Amino acid sequence: IQVTEWWGQNWLMMAGVMVGLGLAGWQGAKTKKGKRWLDGLVLKIPIVGELVRRYNQVRFCRLLAGFFKYGISVAEAFDILAASLGNSYYSESCLRLKAKLTLGRSFSEALATERELYPPIMAKVIKGAERTGVLDETLLRLAKFYERELKLAVKDLTSLIEPVLIVALGMGVVGVALAVVLPVYRLTSQIR
């Protein structure tokens, strides 16, 4: 009851604080340092981080397959790729991969050093593709594989969210009902 009274008296101040914090966070996310921090935070969130990883892996493979298929140079391809990926960790990874490739390392060796962003199986599959000379086709197949995994993960996530939303809505309805019933009950008990 005291909390309700306090909120009733200070709601305008709290709304201002929340809007201020939201604006500060939004402005902070626009800076390079803030975006990098936010991207790192997103990658660490258990379910969401895995979705972001899969999404970036799909884009990485699909775009790189097109670049290799149409003969774009490695340096130019990775520069474009770094600018195209939304997550700053993946963009930085593309620039590191470009540096390793220009020093003469194979694509699979360079990719194997980026284990925190790309699964080890990706480097192994790419190593086989480098040996057989079908890198662009293999990258496209990897993109399709990770796209299927992404769709399944999103489907699983929505099936997990549904019960949580139902419980949250139920709690909201109970909260509103209590907020209406309790004051009426107190009034009737004081009249007696």
C-alpha atoms as a PDB file:
ATOM      1  CA  ILE A   1       0.000   0.000   0.000  1.00  0.00           C
ATOM      2  CA  GLN A   2       2.840   2.396   0.845  1.00  0.00           C
ATOM      3  CA  VAL A   3       4.537   1.570  -2.434  1.00  0.00           C
ATOM      4  CA  THR A   4       1.330   2.387  -4.295  1.00  0.00           C
ATOM      5  CA  GLU A   5       1.025   5.705  -2.480  1.00  0.00           C
ATOM      6  CA  TRP A   6       4.683   6.540  -3.202  1.00  0.00           C
ATOM      7  CA  TRP A   7       4.223   5.744  -6.916  1.00  0.00           C
ATOM      8  CA  GLY A   8       1.076   7.848  -6.950  1.00  0.00           C
ATOM      9  CA  GLN A   9       2.954  10.814  -5.535  1.00  0.00           C
ATOM     10  CA  ASN A  10       6.151  10.407  -7.595  1.00  0.00           C
ATOM     11  CA  TRP A  11       4.938   8.943 -10.888  1.00  0.00           C
ATOM     12  CA  LEU A  12       5.966  11.966 -12.926  1.00  0.00           C
ATOM     13  CA  MET A  13       9.511  11.911 -11.560  1.00  0.00           C
ATOM     14  CA  MET A  14       9.828   8.156 -12.179  1.00  0.00           C
ATOM     15  CA  ALA A  15       8.510   8.524 -15.723  1.00  0.00           C
ATOM     16  CA  GLY A  16      11.103  11.247 -16.328  1.00  0.00           C
ATOM     17  CA  VAL A  17      13.887   9.062 -14.932  1.00  0.00           C
ATOM     18  CA  MET A  18      12.833   6.126 -17.116  1.00  0.00           C
ATOM     19  CA  VAL A  19      12.636   8.279 -20.240  1.00  0.00           C
ATOM     20  CA  GLY A  20      16.032   9.791 -19.386  1.00  0.00           C
ATOM     21  CA  LEU A  21      17.624   6.378 -18.911  1.00  0.00           C
ATOM     22  CA  GLY A  22      16.090   5.165 -22.165  1.00  0.00           C
ATOM     23  CA  LEU A  23      17.415   8.155 -24.087  1.00  0.00           C
ATOM     24  CA  ALA A  24      20.868   7.820 -22.506  1.00  0.00           C
ATOM     25  CA  GLY A  25      20.993   4.125 -23.440  1.00  0.00           C
ATOM     26  CA  TRP A  26      19.856   4.873 -26.963  1.00  0.00           C
ATOM     27  CA  GLN A  27      22.498   7.581 -27.399  1.00  0.00           C
ATOM     28  CA  GLY A  28      25.141   5.319 -25.878  1.00  0.00           C
ATOM     29  CA  ALA A  29      24.290   2.511 -28.288  1.00  0.00           C
ATOM     30  CA  LYS A  30      24.919   4.882 -31.196  1.00  0.00           C
ATOM     31  CA  THR A  31      28.600   5.255 -30.282  1.00  0.00           C
ATOM     32  CA  LYS A  32      31.125   2.682 -31.488  1.00  0.00           C
ATOM     33  CA  LYS A  33      32.069   1.695 -27.934  1.00  0.00           C
ATOM     34  CA  GLY A  34      28.425   1.507 -26.846  1.00  0.00           C
ATOM     35  CA  LYS A  35      27.415  -0.596 -29.856  1.00  0.00           C
ATOM     36  CA  ARG A  36      30.290  -2.989 -29.241  1.00  0.00           C
ATOM     37  CA  TRP A  37      29.290  -3.331 -25.569  1.00  0.00           C
ATOM     38  CA  LEU A  38      25.646  -3.911 -26.504  1.00  0.00           C
ATOM     39  CA  ASP A  39      26.591  -6.449 -29.202  1.00  0.00           C
ATOM     40  CA  GLY A  40      28.721  -8.339 -26.684  1.00  0.00           C
ATOM     41  CA  LEU A  41      25.897  -8.305 -24.170  1.00  0.00           C
ATOM     42  CA  VAL A  42      23.442  -9.644 -26.756  1.00  0.00           C
ATOM     43  CA  LEU A  43      25.820 -12.500 -27.636  1.00  0.00           C
ATOM     44  CA  LYS A  44      25.987 -13.505 -23.943  1.00  0.00           C
ATOM     45  CA  ILE A  45      22.207 -13.742 -23.447  1.00  0.00           C
ATOM     46  CA  PRO A  46      21.519 -17.499 -23.462  1.00  0.00           C
ATOM     47  CA  ILE A  47      18.822 -17.997 -26.110  1.00  0.00           C
ATOM     48  CA  VAL A  48      18.991 -14.666 -27.914  1.00  0.00           C
ATOM     49  CA  GLY A  49      22.789 -14.880 -28.244  1.00  0.00           C
ATOM     50  CA  GLU A  50      22.516 -18.190 -30.049  1.00  0.00           C
ATOM     51  CA  LEU A  51      19.933 -16.731 -32.446  1.00  0.00           C
ATOM     52  CA  VAL A  52      22.201 -13.759 -33.185  1.00  0.00           C
ATOM     53  CA  ARG A  53      25.136 -16.128 -33.776  1.00  0.00           C
ATOM     54  CA  ARG A  54      23.120 -18.245 -36.206  1.00  0.00           C
ATOM     55  CA  TYR A  55      21.813 -15.169 -38.033  1.00  0.00           C
ATOM     56  CA  ASN A  56      25.328 -13.783 -38.503  1.00  0.00           C
ATOM     57  CA  GLN A  57      26.669 -17.179 -39.566  1.00  0.00           C
ATOM     58  CA  VAL A  58      23.944 -17.437 -42.215  1.00  0.00           C
ATOM     59  CA  ARG A  59      24.750 -13.959 -43.547  1.00  0.00           C
ATOM     60  CA  PHE A  60      28.496 -14.638 -43.418  1.00  0.00           C
ATOM     61  CA  CYS A  61      28.231 -17.856 -45.450  1.00  0.00           C
ATOM     62  CA  ARG A  62      25.625 -16.588 -47.922  1.00  0.00           C
ATOM     63  CA  LEU A  63      27.391 -13.316 -48.709  1.00  0.00           C
ATOM     64  CA  LEU A  64      30.830 -14.902 -48.901  1.00  0.00           C
ATOM     65  CA  ALA A  65      29.521 -17.596 -51.260  1.00  0.00           C
ATOM     66  CA  GLY A  66      28.260 -14.904 -53.614  1.00  0.00           C
ATOM     67  CA  PHE A  67      31.512 -12.950 -53.430  1.00  0.00           C
ATOM     68  CA  PHE A  68      33.616 -16.023 -54.221  1.00  0.00           C
ATOM     69  CA  LYS A  69      31.251 -17.158 -56.980  1.00  0.00           C
ATOM     70  CA  TYR A  70      31.481 -13.833 -58.798  1.00  0.00           C
ATOM     71  CA  GLY A  71      35.231 -13.459 -58.378  1.00  0.00           C
ATOM     72  CA  ILE A  72      35.436 -10.594 -55.892  1.00  0.00           C
ATOM     73  CA  SER A  73      38.909 -10.402 -54.333  1.00  0.00           C
ATOM     74  CA  VAL A  74      39.353 -11.756 -50.813  1.00  0.00           C
ATOM     75  CA  ALA A  75      40.340  -8.385 -49.348  1.00  0.00           C
ATOM     76  CA  GLU A  76      37.367  -6.605 -50.922  1.00  0.00           C
ATOM     77  CA  ALA A  77      34.979  -9.432 -50.014  1.00  0.00           C
ATOM     78  CA  PHE A  78      35.896  -9.330 -46.329  1.00  0.00           C
ATOM     79  CA  ASP A  79      35.749  -5.522 -46.242  1.00  0.00           C
ATOM     80  CA  ILE A  80      32.216  -5.609 -47.664  1.00  0.00           C
ATOM     81  CA  LEU A  81      31.311  -8.464 -45.340  1.00  0.00           C
ATOM     82  CA  ALA A  82      32.577  -6.557 -42.281  1.00  0.00           C
ATOM     83  CA  ALA A  83      30.394  -3.591 -43.244  1.00  0.00           C
ATOM     84  CA  SER A  84      27.367  -5.827 -43.931  1.00  0.00           C
ATOM     85  CA  LEU A  85      27.220  -7.805 -40.696  1.00  0.00           C
ATOM     86  CA  GLY A  86      25.209  -6.064 -38.005  1.00  0.00           C
ATOM     87  CA  ASN A  87      27.113  -7.321 -34.974  1.00  0.00           C
ATOM     88  CA  SER A  88      30.400  -5.514 -34.330  1.00  0.00           C
ATOM     89  CA  TYR A  89      32.074  -8.694 -33.036  1.00  0.00           C
ATOM     90  CA  TYR A  90      31.393 -10.419 -36.358  1.00  0.00           C
ATOM     91  CA  SER A  91      32.554  -7.340 -38.295  1.00  0.00           C
ATOM     92  CA  GLU A  92      35.829  -7.287 -36.357  1.00  0.00           C
ATOM     93  CA  SER A  93      36.168 -11.022 -36.946  1.00  0.00           C
ATOM     94  CA  CYS A  94      35.895 -10.458 -40.705  1.00  0.00           C
ATOM     95  CA  LEU A  95      38.706  -7.910 -40.570  1.00  0.00           C
ATOM     96  CA  ARG A  96      40.890 -10.338 -38.569  1.00  0.00           C
ATOM     97  CA  LEU A  97      40.125 -13.100 -41.097  1.00  0.00           C
ATOM     98  CA  LYS A  98      41.079 -10.762 -43.954  1.00  0.00           C
ATOM     99  CA  ALA A  99      44.396  -9.974 -42.264  1.00  0.00           C
ATOM    100  CA  LYS A 100      45.177 -13.681 -41.799  1.00  0.00           C
ATOM    101  CA  LEU A 101      44.213 -14.511 -45.378  1.00  0.00           C
ATOM    102  CA  THR A 102      46.388 -11.745 -46.803  1.00  0.00           C
ATOM    103  CA  LEU A 103      49.310 -13.177 -44.793  1.00  0.00           C
ATOM    104  CA  GLY A 104      48.848 -16.468 -46.665  1.00  0.00           C
ATOM    105  CA  ARG A 105      46.896 -18.625 -44.235  1.00  0.00           C
ATOM    106  CA  SER A 106      44.131 -20.825 -45.591  1.00  0.00           C
ATOM    107  CA  PHE A 107      40.526 -19.810 -45.000  1.00  0.00           C
ATOM    108  CA  SER A 108      39.835 -22.870 -42.852  1.00  0.00           C
ATOM    109  CA  GLU A 109      42.910 -22.229 -40.663  1.00  0.00           C
ATOM    110  CA  ALA A 110      41.958 -18.589 -40.197  1.00  0.00           C
ATOM    111  CA  LEU A 111      38.345 -19.482 -39.398  1.00  0.00           C
ATOM    112  CA  ALA A 112      39.441 -22.117 -36.872  1.00  0.00           C
ATOM    113  CA  THR A 113      40.986 -19.337 -34.750  1.00  0.00           C
ATOM    114  CA  GLU A 114      37.571 -17.622 -34.398  1.00  0.00           C
ATOM    115  CA  ARG A 115      35.963 -20.404 -32.323  1.00  0.00           C
ATOM    116  CA  GLU A 116      33.924 -18.072 -30.125  1.00  0.00           C
ATOM    117  CA  LEU A 117      31.905 -16.856 -33.140  1.00  0.00           C
ATOM    118  CA  TYR A 118      31.992 -19.743 -35.625  1.00  0.00           C
ATOM    119  CA  PRO A 119      31.471 -23.422 -34.784  1.00  0.00           C
ATOM    120  CA  PRO A 120      34.517 -25.684 -35.319  1.00  0.00           C
ATOM    121  CA  ILE A 121      32.576 -27.822 -37.781  1.00  0.00           C
ATOM    122  CA  MET A 122      32.358 -24.829 -40.116  1.00  0.00           C
ATOM    123  CA  ALA A 123      36.154 -24.658 -40.387  1.00  0.00           C
ATOM    124  CA  LYS A 124      36.344 -28.402 -41.009  1.00  0.00           C
ATOM    125  CA  VAL A 125      33.712 -28.294 -43.759  1.00  0.00           C
ATOM    126  CA  ILE A 126      35.442 -25.317 -45.372  1.00  0.00           C
ATOM    127  CA  LYS A 127      38.773 -27.182 -45.231  1.00  0.00           C
ATOM    128  CA  GLY A 128      37.229 -29.983 -47.276  1.00  0.00           C
ATOM    129  CA  ALA A 129      35.750 -27.460 -49.708  1.00  0.00           C
ATOM    130  CA  GLU A 130      39.141 -25.801 -50.169  1.00  0.00           C
ATOM    131  CA  ARG A 131      40.664 -29.155 -51.090  1.00  0.00           C
ATOM    132  CA  THR A 132      37.941 -29.991 -53.605  1.00  0.00           C
ATOM    133  CA  GLY A 133      37.624 -26.480 -55.047  1.00  0.00           C
ATOM    134  CA  VAL A 134      33.907 -25.972 -54.387  1.00  0.00           C
ATOM    135  CA  LEU A 135      34.123 -23.312 -51.687  1.00  0.00           C
ATOM    136  CA  ASP A 136      31.278 -21.149 -53.004  1.00  0.00           C
ATOM    137  CA  GLU A 137      28.870 -24.100 -53.226  1.00  0.00           C
ATOM    138  CA  THR A 138      29.861 -25.341 -49.779  1.00  0.00           C
ATOM    139  CA  LEU A 139      29.389 -21.899 -48.235  1.00  0.00           C
ATOM    140  CA  LEU A 140      25.915 -21.740 -49.768  1.00  0.00           C
ATOM    141  CA  ARG A 141      25.092 -25.182 -48.333  1.00  0.00           C
ATOM    142  CA  LEU A 142      26.352 -24.072 -44.934  1.00  0.00           C
ATOM    143  CA  ALA A 143      24.174 -20.967 -45.171  1.00  0.00           C
ATOM    144  CA  LYS A 144      21.117 -23.093 -45.923  1.00  0.00           C
ATOM    145  CA  PHE A 145      21.960 -25.470 -43.060  1.00  0.00           C
ATOM    146  CA  TYR A 146      22.358 -22.653 -40.530  1.00  0.00           C
ATOM    147  CA  GLU A 147      19.224 -20.984 -41.874  1.00  0.00           C
ATOM    148  CA  ARG A 148      17.232 -24.143 -41.114  1.00  0.00           C
ATOM    149  CA  GLU A 149      18.753 -24.241 -37.629  1.00  0.00           C
ATOM    150  CA  LEU A 150      17.854 -20.580 -37.126  1.00  0.00           C
ATOM    151  CA  LYS A 151      14.245 -21.191 -38.155  1.00  0.00           C
ATOM    152  CA  LEU A 152      13.976 -24.146 -35.762  1.00  0.00           C
ATOM    153  CA  ALA A 153      15.491 -22.102 -32.928  1.00  0.00           C
ATOM    154  CA  VAL A 154      13.020 -19.263 -33.539  1.00  0.00           C
ATOM    155  CA  LYS A 155      10.155 -21.754 -33.590  1.00  0.00           C
ATOM    156  CA  ASP A 156      11.360 -23.263 -30.288  1.00  0.00           C
ATOM    157  CA  LEU A 157      11.702 -19.794 -28.772  1.00  0.00           C
ATOM    158  CA  THR A 158       8.150 -18.811 -29.692  1.00  0.00           C
ATOM    159  CA  SER A 159       6.825 -22.036 -28.185  1.00  0.00           C
ATOM    160  CA  LEU A 160       8.725 -21.208 -24.963  1.00  0.00           C
ATOM    161  CA  ILE A 161       7.494 -17.610 -24.871  1.00  0.00           C
ATOM    162  CA  GLU A 162       3.778 -18.459 -25.240  1.00  0.00           C
ATOM    163  CA  PRO A 163       3.323 -19.992 -21.742  1.00  0.00           C
ATOM    164  CA  VAL A 164       5.363 -17.192 -20.152  1.00  0.00           C
ATOM    165  CA  LEU A 165       3.152 -14.580 -21.798  1.00  0.00           C
ATOM    166  CA  ILE A 166       0.008 -16.370 -20.676  1.00  0.00           C
ATOM    167  CA  VAL A 167       1.250 -16.490 -17.069  1.00  0.00           C
ATOM    168  CA  ALA A 168       2.304 -12.810 -17.219  1.00  0.00           C
ATOM    169  CA  LEU A 169      -1.103 -11.785 -18.570  1.00  0.00           C
ATOM    170  CA  GLY A 170      -2.810 -13.847 -15.885  1.00  0.00           C
ATOM    171  CA  MET A 171      -0.726 -12.147 -13.198  1.00  0.00           C
ATOM    172  CA  GLY A 172      -1.598  -8.768 -14.687  1.00  0.00           C
ATOM    173  CA  VAL A 173      -5.305  -9.557 -14.588  1.00  0.00           C
ATOM    174  CA  VAL A 174      -5.018 -10.751 -10.972  1.00  0.00           C
ATOM    175  CA  GLY A 175      -3.091  -7.577 -10.089  1.00  0.00           C
ATOM    176  CA  VAL A 176      -5.745  -5.337 -11.618  1.00  0.00           C
ATOM    177  CA  ALA A 177      -8.505  -7.309  -9.934  1.00  0.00           C
ATOM    178  CA  LEU A 178      -6.783  -7.008  -6.553  1.00  0.00           C
ATOM    179  CA  ALA A 179      -6.186  -3.300  -7.105  1.00  0.00           C
ATOM    180  CA  VAL A 180      -9.932  -2.854  -7.614  1.00  0.00           C
ATOM    181  CA  VAL A 181     -11.251  -5.313  -5.012  1.00  0.00           C
ATOM    182  CA  LEU A 182      -8.948  -4.497  -2.057  1.00  0.00           C
ATOM    183  CA  PRO A 183      -9.890  -0.801  -1.767  1.00  0.00           C
ATOM    184  CA  VAL A 184     -13.581  -1.697  -2.011  1.00  0.00           C
ATOM    185  CA  TYR A 185     -13.120  -4.359   0.680  1.00  0.00           C
ATOM    186  CA  ARG A 186     -11.328  -1.874   2.954  1.00  0.00           C
ATOM    187  CA  LEU A 187     -14.105   0.687   2.505  1.00  0.00           C
ATOM    188  CA  THR A 188     -16.813  -1.810   3.348  1.00  0.00           C
ATOM    189  CA  SER A 189     -14.897  -3.026   6.428  1.00  0.00           C
ATOM    190  CA  GLN A 190     -14.491   0.568   7.684  1.00  0.00           C
ATOM    191  CA  ILE A 191     -18.226   1.288   7.288  1.00  0.00           C
ATOM    192  CA  ARG A 192     -19.189  -1.539   9.621  1.00  0.00           C
END
